[in-house]
Amino acid sequence: PAACFCIWEPGNIGRQVTLRGTVDITQDALLLRKFTEAFLTMRADGQAPSEERLAEEIAKFDAPDRYMMQLRIEKTLTHDLNKLFVAETTGEDVWS
């Protein structure tokens, strides 16, 4: 299914990034394991987690009613509404 996620800066809704694409919704033990292992490795500066640590973390998320969503990004849109308003009202080049 098509999806669109809009993410904005807290306190400044004018700074946004919008991600458009398709979403896969799945229950996949192998994908959960790969994601969890990659996340823990990244958090530990490249050091892979022990099997025990990995199993503990997977157990936190592995529930029969839990699904994963994976967004396959096809288009990224960004804008800074504040800069746009300044450019439109003053003619100033705010983009360089």
PDB file of N, CA and C in Angstrom:
ATOM      1  N   PRO A   1       0.818  -1.200   0.000  1.00  0.00           N
ATOM      2  CA  PRO A   1       0.000   0.000   0.000  1.00  0.00           C
ATOM      3  C   PRO A   1       0.861   1.263   0.000  1.00  0.00           C
ATOM      4  N   ALA A   2       0.361   2.289  -0.641  1.00  0.00           N
ATOM      5  CA  ALA A   2       1.061   3.577  -0.679  1.00  0.00           C
ATOM      6  C   ALA A   2       1.069   4.198   0.703  1.00  0.00           C
ATOM      7  N   ALA A   3       2.132   4.949   1.000  1.00  0.00           N
ATOM      8  CA  ALA A   3       2.239   5.590   2.310  1.00  0.00           C
ATOM      9  C   ALA A   3       2.973   6.912   2.181  1.00  0.00           C
ATOM     10  N   CYS A   4       2.686   7.798   3.108  1.00  0.00           N
ATOM     11  CA  CYS A   4       3.356   9.088   3.170  1.00  0.00           C
ATOM     12  C   CYS A   4       3.572   9.416   4.641  1.00  0.00           C
ATOM     13  N   PHE A   5       4.815   9.646   5.027  1.00  0.00           N
ATOM     14  CA  PHE A   5       5.149  10.011   6.393  1.00  0.00           C
ATOM     15  C   PHE A   5       5.701  11.427   6.385  1.00  0.00           C
ATOM     16  N   CYS A   6       5.128  12.300   7.189  1.00  0.00           N
ATOM     17  CA  CYS A   6       5.592  13.680   7.309  1.00  0.00           C
ATOM     18  C   CYS A   6       6.221  13.836   8.696  1.00  0.00           C
ATOM     19  N   ILE A   7       7.462  14.250   8.711  1.00  0.00           N
ATOM     20  CA  ILE A   7       8.207  14.399   9.959  1.00  0.00           C
ATOM     21  C   ILE A   7       8.626  15.857  10.060  1.00  0.00           C
ATOM     22  N   TRP A   8       8.328  16.489  11.195  1.00  0.00           N
ATOM     23  CA  TRP A   8       8.696  17.888  11.332  1.00  0.00           C
ATOM     24  C   TRP A   8       9.482  18.108  12.602  1.00  0.00           C
ATOM     25  N   GLU A   9      10.181  19.237  12.600  1.00  0.00           N
ATOM     26  CA  GLU A   9      11.012  19.613  13.732  1.00  0.00           C
ATOM     27  C   GLU A   9      10.111  20.053  14.888  1.00  0.00           C
ATOM     28  N   PRO A  10      10.336  19.550  16.081  1.00  0.00           N
ATOM     29  CA  PRO A  10       9.522  19.978  17.216  1.00  0.00           C
ATOM     30  C   PRO A  10       9.617  21.497  17.401  1.00  0.00           C
ATOM     31  N   GLY A  11       8.500  22.113  17.550  1.00  0.00           N
ATOM     32  CA  GLY A  11       8.478  23.561  17.744  1.00  0.00           C
ATOM     33  C   GLY A  11       8.597  24.366  16.466  1.00  0.00           C
ATOM     34  N   ASN A  12       8.753  23.702  15.329  1.00  0.00           N
ATOM     35  CA  ASN A  12       8.878  24.417  14.053  1.00  0.00           C
ATOM     36  C   ASN A  12       8.299  23.538  12.947  1.00  0.00           C
ATOM     37  N   ILE A  13       6.978  23.524  12.855  1.00  0.00           N
ATOM     38  CA  ILE A  13       6.304  22.659  11.876  1.00  0.00           C
ATOM     39  C   ILE A  13       6.672  23.027  10.435  1.00  0.00           C
ATOM     40  N   GLY A  14       7.224  24.214  10.244  1.00  0.00           N
ATOM     41  CA  GLY A  14       7.619  24.647   8.907  1.00  0.00           C
ATOM     42  C   GLY A  14       8.828  23.925   8.340  1.00  0.00           C
ATOM     43  N   ARG A  15       9.626  23.288   9.190  1.00  0.00           N
ATOM     44  CA  ARG A  15      10.767  22.491   8.714  1.00  0.00           C
ATOM     45  C   ARG A  15      10.340  21.045   8.687  1.00  0.00           C
ATOM     46  N   GLN A  16      10.201  20.514   7.483  1.00  0.00           N
ATOM     47  CA  GLN A  16       9.642  19.173   7.330  1.00  0.00           C
ATOM     48  C   GLN A  16      10.410  18.348   6.309  1.00  0.00           C
ATOM     49  N   VAL A  17      10.272  17.050   6.468  1.00  0.00           N
ATOM     50  CA  VAL A  17      10.672  16.112   5.433  1.00  0.00           C
ATOM     51  C   VAL A  17       9.496  15.148   5.268  1.00  0.00           C
ATOM     52  N   THR A  18       9.149  14.893   4.029  1.00  0.00           N
ATOM     53  CA  THR A  18       8.065  13.968   3.732  1.00  0.00           C
ATOM     54  C   THR A  18       8.649  12.804   2.942  1.00  0.00           C
ATOM     55  N   LEU A  19       8.356  11.610   3.407  1.00  0.00           N
ATOM     56  CA  LEU A  19       8.823  10.394   2.742  1.00  0.00           C
ATOM     57  C   LEU A  19       7.617   9.709   2.122  1.00  0.00           C
ATOM     58  N   ARG A  20       7.699   9.442   0.823  1.00  0.00           N
ATOM     59  CA  ARG A  20       6.617   8.751   0.129  1.00  0.00           C
ATOM     60  C   ARG A  20       7.130   7.442  -0.421  1.00  0.00           C
ATOM     61  N   GLY A  21       6.266   6.450  -0.392  1.00  0.00           N
ATOM     62  CA  GLY A  21       6.660   5.152  -0.913  1.00  0.00           C
ATOM     63  C   GLY A  21       5.583   4.123  -0.664  1.00  0.00           C
ATOM     64  N   THR A  22       6.022   2.902  -0.516  1.00  0.00           N
ATOM     65  CA  THR A  22       5.103   1.809  -0.211  1.00  0.00           C
ATOM     66  C   THR A  22       5.546   1.146   1.082  1.00  0.00           C
ATOM     67  N   VAL A  23       4.573   0.588   1.784  1.00  0.00           N
ATOM     68  CA  VAL A  23       4.844  -0.034   3.075  1.00  0.00           C
ATOM     69  C   VAL A  23       4.583  -1.525   2.982  1.00  0.00           C
ATOM     70  N   ASP A  24       5.530  -2.285   3.500  1.00  0.00           N
ATOM     71  CA  ASP A  24       5.325  -3.715   3.691  1.00  0.00           C
ATOM     72  C   ASP A  24       4.993  -3.908   5.167  1.00  0.00           C
ATOM     73  N   ILE A  25       3.877  -4.561   5.444  1.00  0.00           N
ATOM     74  CA  ILE A  25       3.481  -4.866   6.812  1.00  0.00           C
ATOM     75  C   ILE A  25       3.611  -6.374   6.975  1.00  0.00           C
ATOM     76  N   THR A  26       4.437  -6.781   7.934  1.00  0.00           N
ATOM     77  CA  THR A  26       4.769  -8.193   8.004  1.00  0.00           C
ATOM     78  C   THR A  26       5.051  -8.642   9.429  1.00  0.00           C
ATOM     79  N   GLN A  27       4.926  -9.928   9.651  1.00  0.00           N
ATOM     80  CA  GLN A  27       5.457 -10.599  10.831  1.00  0.00           C
ATOM     81  C   GLN A  27       6.541 -11.525  10.305  1.00  0.00           C
ATOM     82  N   ASP A  28       7.772 -11.184  10.555  1.00  0.00           N
ATOM     83  CA  ASP A  28       8.886 -11.917   9.972  1.00  0.00           C
ATOM     84  C   ASP A  28      10.000 -12.023  11.011  1.00  0.00           C
ATOM     85  N   ALA A  29      10.186 -13.199  11.561  1.00  0.00           N
ATOM     86  CA  ALA A  29      11.179 -13.411  12.620  1.00  0.00           C
ATOM     87  C   ALA A  29      12.595 -13.103  12.137  1.00  0.00           C
ATOM     88  N   LEU A  30      12.907 -13.463  10.898  1.00  0.00           N
ATOM     89  CA  LEU A  30      14.247 -13.210  10.377  1.00  0.00           C
ATOM     90  C   LEU A  30      14.492 -11.708  10.213  1.00  0.00           C
ATOM     91  N   LEU A  31      13.503 -10.982   9.709  1.00  0.00           N
ATOM     92  CA  LEU A  31      13.641  -9.529   9.563  1.00  0.00           C
ATOM     93  C   LEU A  31      13.792  -8.871  10.930  1.00  0.00           C
ATOM     94  N   LEU A  32      13.009  -9.307  11.909  1.00  0.00           N
ATOM     95  CA  LEU A  32      13.125  -8.763  13.269  1.00  0.00           C
ATOM     96  C   LEU A  32      14.525  -9.006  13.823  1.00  0.00           C
ATOM     97  N   ARG A  33      15.051 -10.196  13.604  1.00  0.00           N
ATOM     98  CA  ARG A  33      16.405 -10.517  14.084  1.00  0.00           C
ATOM     99  C   ARG A  33      17.451  -9.634  13.399  1.00  0.00           C
ATOM    100  N   LYS A  34      17.358  -9.495  12.073  1.00  0.00           N
ATOM    101  CA  LYS A  34      18.327  -8.673  11.331  1.00  0.00           C
ATOM    102  C   LYS A  34      18.264  -7.219  11.786  1.00  0.00           C
ATOM    103  N   PHE A  35      17.046  -6.697  11.937  1.00  0.00           N
ATOM    104  CA  PHE A  35      16.883  -5.309  12.371  1.00  0.00           C
ATOM    105  C   PHE A  35      17.478  -5.109  13.762  1.00  0.00           C
ATOM    106  N   THR A  36      17.132  -5.992  14.679  1.00  0.00           N
ATOM    107  CA  THR A  36      17.589  -5.861  16.062  1.00  0.00           C
ATOM    108  C   THR A  36      19.101  -5.979  16.152  1.00  0.00           C
ATOM    109  N   GLU A  37      19.665  -6.926  15.425  1.00  0.00           N
ATOM    110  CA  GLU A  37      21.126  -7.095  15.437  1.00  0.00           C
ATOM    111  C   GLU A  37      21.818  -5.862  14.862  1.00  0.00           C
ATOM    112  N   ALA A  38      21.307  -5.336  13.761  1.00  0.00           N
ATOM    113  CA  ALA A  38      21.911  -4.140  13.157  1.00  0.00           C
ATOM    114  C   ALA A  38      21.800  -2.940  14.093  1.00  0.00           C
ATOM    115  N   PHE A  39      20.648  -2.791  14.738  1.00  0.00           N
ATOM    116  CA  PHE A  39      20.448  -1.671  15.659  1.00  0.00           C
ATOM    117  C   PHE A  39      21.409  -1.758  16.839  1.00  0.00           C
ATOM    118  N   LEU A  40      21.505  -2.932  17.455  1.00  0.00           N
ATOM    119  CA  LEU A  40      22.405  -3.091  18.596  1.00  0.00           C
ATOM    120  C   LEU A  40      23.868  -2.904  18.193  1.00  0.00           C
ATOM    121  N   THR A  41      24.240  -3.388  17.027  1.00  0.00           N
ATOM    122  CA  THR A  41      25.611  -3.227  16.535  1.00  0.00           C
ATOM    123  C   THR A  41      25.932  -1.756  16.319  1.00  0.00           C
ATOM    124  N   MET A  42      24.986  -1.012  15.731  1.00  0.00           N
ATOM    125  CA  MET A  42      25.190   0.423  15.508  1.00  0.00           C
ATOM    126  C   MET A  42      25.370   1.142  16.850  1.00  0.00           C
ATOM    127  N   ARG A  43      24.535   0.807  17.832  1.00  0.00           N
ATOM    128  CA  ARG A  43      24.593   1.462  19.144  1.00  0.00           C
ATOM    129  C   ARG A  43      25.882   1.132  19.896  1.00  0.00           C
ATOM    130  N   ALA A  44      26.532   0.034  19.541  1.00  0.00           N
ATOM    131  CA  ALA A  44      27.763  -0.397  20.231  1.00  0.00           C
ATOM    132  C   ALA A  44      28.998  -0.104  19.383  1.00  0.00           C
ATOM    133  N   ASP A  45      28.921   0.934  18.554  1.00  0.00           N
ATOM    134  CA  ASP A  45      30.061   1.344  17.712  1.00  0.00           C
ATOM    135  C   ASP A  45      30.620   0.216  16.856  1.00  0.00           C
ATOM    136  N   GLY A  46      29.723  -0.586  16.281  1.00  0.00           N
ATOM    137  CA  GLY A  46      30.137  -1.621  15.348  1.00  0.00           C
ATOM    138  C   GLY A  46      30.390  -2.986  15.957  1.00  0.00           C
ATOM    139  N   GLN A  47      30.275  -3.096  17.261  1.00  0.00           N
ATOM    140  CA  GLN A  47      30.504  -4.398  17.904  1.00  0.00           C
ATOM    141  C   GLN A  47      29.186  -5.167  17.966  1.00  0.00           C
ATOM    142  N   ALA A  48      29.176  -6.359  17.390  1.00  0.00           N
ATOM    143  CA  ALA A  48      27.969  -7.185  17.360  1.00  0.00           C
ATOM    144  C   ALA A  48      27.581  -7.608  18.775  1.00  0.00           C
ATOM    145  N   PRO A  49      26.287  -7.697  19.045  1.00  0.00           N
ATOM    146  CA  PRO A  49      25.843  -8.119  20.379  1.00  0.00           C
ATOM    147  C   PRO A  49      26.055  -9.615  20.591  1.00  0.00           C
ATOM    148  N   SER A  50      26.124 -10.009  21.834  1.00  0.00           N
ATOM    149  CA  SER A  50      26.192 -11.439  22.145  1.00  0.00           C
ATOM    150  C   SER A  50      24.841 -12.065  21.804  1.00  0.00           C
ATOM    151  N   GLU A  51      24.817 -13.369  21.650  1.00  0.00           N
ATOM    152  CA  GLU A  51      23.560 -14.068  21.372  1.00  0.00           C
ATOM    153  C   GLU A  51      22.555 -13.839  22.494  1.00  0.00           C
ATOM    154  N   GLU A  52      23.049 -13.812  23.727  1.00  0.00           N
ATOM    155  CA  GLU A  52      22.165 -13.592  24.883  1.00  0.00           C
ATOM    156  C   GLU A  52      21.528 -12.203  24.819  1.00  0.00           C
ATOM    157  N   ARG A  53      22.334 -11.195  24.551  1.00  0.00           N
ATOM    158  CA  ARG A  53      21.822  -9.809  24.458  1.00  0.00           C
ATOM    159  C   ARG A  53      20.836  -9.686  23.308  1.00  0.00           C
ATOM    160  N   LEU A  54      21.158 -10.285  22.179  1.00  0.00           N
ATOM    161  CA  LEU A  54      20.278 -10.241  21.014  1.00  0.00           C
ATOM    162  C   LEU A  54      18.944 -10.917  21.338  1.00  0.00           C
ATOM    163  N   ALA A  55      18.995 -12.071  21.976  1.00  0.00           N
ATOM    164  CA  ALA A  55      17.770 -12.790  22.338  1.00  0.00           C
ATOM    165  C   ALA A  55      16.916 -11.978  23.308  1.00  0.00           C
ATOM    166  N   GLU A  56      17.558 -11.306  24.272  1.00  0.00           N
ATOM    167  CA  GLU A  56      16.821 -10.459  25.222  1.00  0.00           C
ATOM    168  C   GLU A  56      16.075  -9.344  24.503  1.00  0.00           C
ATOM    169  N   GLU A  57      16.757  -8.711  23.583  1.00  0.00           N
ATOM    170  CA  GLU A  57      16.159  -7.571  22.871  1.00  0.00           C
ATOM    171  C   GLU A  57      15.038  -8.035  21.942  1.00  0.00           C
ATOM    172  N   ILE A  58      15.244  -9.135  21.243  1.00  0.00           N
ATOM    173  CA  ILE A  58      14.203  -9.669  20.356  1.00  0.00           C
ATOM    174  C   ILE A  58      12.966 -10.041  21.167  1.00  0.00           C
ATOM    175  N   ALA A  59      13.163 -10.602  22.361  1.00  0.00           N
ATOM    176  CA  ALA A  59      12.034 -11.002  23.208  1.00  0.00           C
ATOM    177  C   ALA A  59      11.148  -9.808  23.576  1.00  0.00           C
ATOM    178  N   LYS A  60      11.734  -8.612  23.658  1.00  0.00           N
ATOM    179  CA  LYS A  60      10.946  -7.417  23.979  1.00  0.00           C
ATOM    180  C   LYS A  60       9.934  -7.094  22.883  1.00  0.00           C
ATOM    181  N   PHE A  61      10.276  -7.415  21.642  1.00  0.00           N
ATOM    182  CA  PHE A  61       9.435  -7.039  20.502  1.00  0.00           C
ATOM    183  C   PHE A  61       8.669  -8.203  19.901  1.00  0.00           C
ATOM    184  N   ASP A  62       9.036  -9.415  20.246  1.00  0.00           N
ATOM    185  CA  ASP A  62       8.453 -10.588  19.609  1.00  0.00           C
ATOM    186  C   ASP A  62       7.157 -10.985  20.316  1.00  0.00           C
ATOM    187  N   ALA A  63       6.047 -10.462  19.819  1.00  0.00           N
ATOM    188  CA  ALA A  63       4.733 -10.776  20.376  1.00  0.00           C
ATOM    189  C   ALA A  63       3.838 -11.247  19.235  1.00  0.00           C
ATOM    190  N   PRO A  64       2.889 -12.138  19.515  1.00  0.00           N
ATOM    191  CA  PRO A  64       2.068 -12.700  18.438  1.00  0.00           C
ATOM    192  C   PRO A  64       1.231 -11.663  17.675  1.00  0.00           C
ATOM    193  N   ASP A  65       0.924 -10.537  18.316  1.00  0.00           N
ATOM    194  CA  ASP A  65       0.102  -9.525  17.648  1.00  0.00           C
ATOM    195  C   ASP A  65       0.913  -8.333  17.153  1.00  0.00           C
ATOM    196  N   ARG A  66       2.231  -8.426  17.148  1.00  0.00           N
ATOM    197  CA  ARG A  66       3.078  -7.308  16.725  1.00  0.00           C
ATOM    198  C   ARG A  66       3.507  -7.502  15.270  1.00  0.00           C
ATOM    199  N   TYR A  67       3.329  -6.444  14.510  1.00  0.00           N
ATOM    200  CA  TYR A  67       3.735  -6.431  13.105  1.00  0.00           C
ATOM    201  C   TYR A  67       4.815  -5.386  12.914  1.00  0.00           C
ATOM    202  N   MET A  68       5.579  -5.539  11.855  1.00  0.00           N
ATOM    203  CA  MET A  68       6.606  -4.561  11.498  1.00  0.00           C
ATOM    204  C   MET A  68       6.176  -3.869  10.217  1.00  0.00           C
ATOM    205  N   MET A  69       6.475  -2.582  10.130  1.00  0.00           N
ATOM    206  CA  MET A  69       6.240  -1.829   8.891  1.00  0.00           C
ATOM    207  C   MET A  69       7.591  -1.399   8.347  1.00  0.00           C
ATOM    208  N   GLN A  70       7.789  -1.646   7.073  1.00  0.00           N
ATOM    209  CA  GLN A  70       9.028  -1.248   6.432  1.00  0.00           C
ATOM    210  C   GLN A  70       8.670  -0.358   5.252  1.00  0.00           C
ATOM    211  N   LEU A  71       9.083   0.905   5.314  1.00  0.00           N
ATOM    212  CA  LEU A  71       8.790   1.865   4.247  1.00  0.00           C
ATOM    213  C   LEU A  71       9.860   1.768   3.170  1.00  0.00           C
ATOM    214  N   ARG A  72       9.423   1.535   1.959  1.00  0.00           N
ATOM    215  CA  ARG A  72      10.331   1.541   0.798  1.00  0.00           C
ATOM    216  C   ARG A  72      10.192   2.918   0.154  1.00  0.00           C
ATOM    217  N   ILE A  73      11.152   3.789   0.451  1.00  0.00           N
ATOM    218  CA  ILE A  73      11.072   5.194   0.052  1.00  0.00           C
ATOM    219  C   ILE A  73      11.263   5.321  -1.451  1.00  0.00           C
ATOM    220  N   GLU A  74      10.308   5.999  -2.087  1.00  0.00           N
ATOM    221  CA  GLU A  74      10.370   6.264  -3.515  1.00  0.00           C
ATOM    222  C   GLU A  74      10.622   7.741  -3.803  1.00  0.00           C
ATOM    223  N   LYS A  75      10.262   8.608  -2.849  1.00  0.00           N
ATOM    224  CA  LYS A  75      10.452  10.035  -3.049  1.00  0.00           C
ATOM    225  C   LYS A  75      10.618  10.718  -1.698  1.00  0.00           C
ATOM    226  N   THR A  76      11.549  11.669  -1.641  1.00  0.00           N
ATOM    227  CA  THR A  76      11.773  12.454  -0.436  1.00  0.00           C
ATOM    228  C   THR A  76      11.559  13.925  -0.775  1.00  0.00           C
ATOM    229  N   LEU A  77      10.714  14.583   0.005  1.00  0.00           N
ATOM    230  CA  LEU A  77      10.453  16.010  -0.181  1.00  0.00           C
ATOM    231  C   LEU A  77      10.843  16.730   1.100  1.00  0.00           C
ATOM    232  N   THR A  78      11.585  17.806   0.982  1.00  0.00           N
ATOM    233  CA  THR A  78      11.930  18.590   2.163  1.00  0.00           C
ATOM    234  C   THR A  78      11.598  20.044   1.898  1.00  0.00           C
ATOM    235  N   HIS A  79      11.303  20.758   2.937  1.00  0.00           N
ATOM    236  CA  HIS A  79      11.151  22.199   2.805  1.00  0.00           C
ATOM    237  C   HIS A  79      11.311  22.881   4.152  1.00  0.00           C
ATOM    238  N   ASP A  80      11.658  24.145   4.050  1.00  0.00           N
ATOM    239  CA  ASP A  80      11.791  24.997   5.225  1.00  0.00           C
ATOM    240  C   ASP A  80      10.883  26.189   4.978  1.00  0.00           C
ATOM    241  N   LEU A  81       9.665  26.114   5.511  1.00  0.00           N
ATOM    242  CA  LEU A  81       8.651  27.129   5.276  1.00  0.00           C
ATOM    243  C   LEU A  81       9.106  28.503   5.740  1.00  0.00           C
ATOM    244  N   ASN A  82       9.869  28.583   6.816  1.00  0.00           N
ATOM    245  CA  ASN A  82      10.349  29.867   7.320  1.00  0.00           C
ATOM    246  C   ASN A  82      11.241  30.559   6.296  1.00  0.00           C
ATOM    247  N   LYS A  83      12.175  29.811   5.694  1.00  0.00           N
ATOM    248  CA  LYS A  83      13.036  30.386   4.668  1.00  0.00           C
ATOM    249  C   LYS A  83      12.227  30.804   3.447  1.00  0.00           C
ATOM    250  N   LEU A  84      11.238  29.996   3.088  1.00  0.00           N
ATOM    251  CA  LEU A  84      10.392  30.323   1.951  1.00  0.00           C
ATOM    252  C   LEU A  84       9.668  31.645   2.175  1.00  0.00           C
ATOM    253  N   PHE A  85       9.118  31.856   3.367  1.00  0.00           N
ATOM    254  CA  PHE A  85       8.433  33.113   3.669  1.00  0.00           C
ATOM    255  C   PHE A  85       9.386  34.304   3.590  1.00  0.00           C
ATOM    256  N   VAL A  86      10.604  34.152   4.115  1.00  0.00           N
ATOM    257  CA  VAL A  86      11.596  35.232   4.053  1.00  0.00           C
ATOM    258  C   VAL A  86      11.916  35.553   2.599  1.00  0.00           C
ATOM    259  N   ALA A  87      12.147  34.527   1.788  1.00  0.00           N
ATOM    260  CA  ALA A  87      12.474  34.732   0.373  1.00  0.00           C
ATOM    261  C   ALA A  87      11.331  35.417  -0.358  1.00  0.00           C
ATOM    262  N   GLU A  88      10.092  35.010  -0.073  1.00  0.00           N
ATOM    263  CA  GLU A  88       8.943  35.597  -0.759  1.00  0.00           C
ATOM    264  C   GLU A  88       8.677  37.033  -0.334  1.00  0.00           C
ATOM    265  N   THR A  89       8.903  37.353   0.921  1.00  0.00           N
ATOM    266  CA  THR A  89       8.567  38.702   1.405  1.00  0.00           C
ATOM    267  C   THR A  89       9.699  39.707   1.237  1.00  0.00           C
ATOM    268  N   THR A  90      10.950  39.230   1.203  1.00  0.00           N
ATOM    269  CA  THR A  90      12.084  40.170   1.126  1.00  0.00           C
ATOM    270  C   THR A  90      12.837  40.083  -0.193  1.00  0.00           C
ATOM    271  N   GLY A  91      12.655  38.989  -0.898  1.00  0.00           N
ATOM    272  CA  GLY A  91      13.416  38.769  -2.122  1.00  0.00           C
ATOM    273  C   GLY A  91      14.840  38.291  -1.844  1.00  0.00           C
ATOM    274  N   GLU A  92      15.162  38.081  -0.583  1.00  0.00           N
ATOM    275  CA  GLU A  92      16.499  37.635  -0.186  1.00  0.00           C
ATOM    276  C   GLU A  92      16.747  36.212  -0.645  1.00  0.00           C
ATOM    277  N   ASP A  93      17.999  35.937  -1.065  1.00  0.00           N
ATOM    278  CA  ASP A  93      18.395  34.583  -1.448  1.00  0.00           C
ATOM    279  C   ASP A  93      18.782  33.812  -0.186  1.00  0.00           C
ATOM    280  N   VAL A  94      17.863  33.022   0.310  1.00  0.00           N
ATOM    281  CA  VAL A  94      18.099  32.282   1.565  1.00  0.00           C
ATOM    282  C   VAL A  94      18.557  30.862   1.308  1.00  0.00           C
ATOM    283  N   TRP A  95      18.689  30.454   0.073  1.00  0.00           N
ATOM    284  CA  TRP A  95      18.955  29.050  -0.260  1.00  0.00           C
ATOM    285  C   TRP A  95      20.432  28.753  -0.473  1.00  0.00           C
ATOM    286  N   SER A  96      21.263  29.767  -0.579  1.00  0.00           N
ATOM    287  CA  SER A  96      22.689  29.484  -0.821  1.00  0.00           C
ATOM    288  C   SER A  96      23.496  29.549   0.443  1.00  0.00           C
TER     289      SER A  96
END
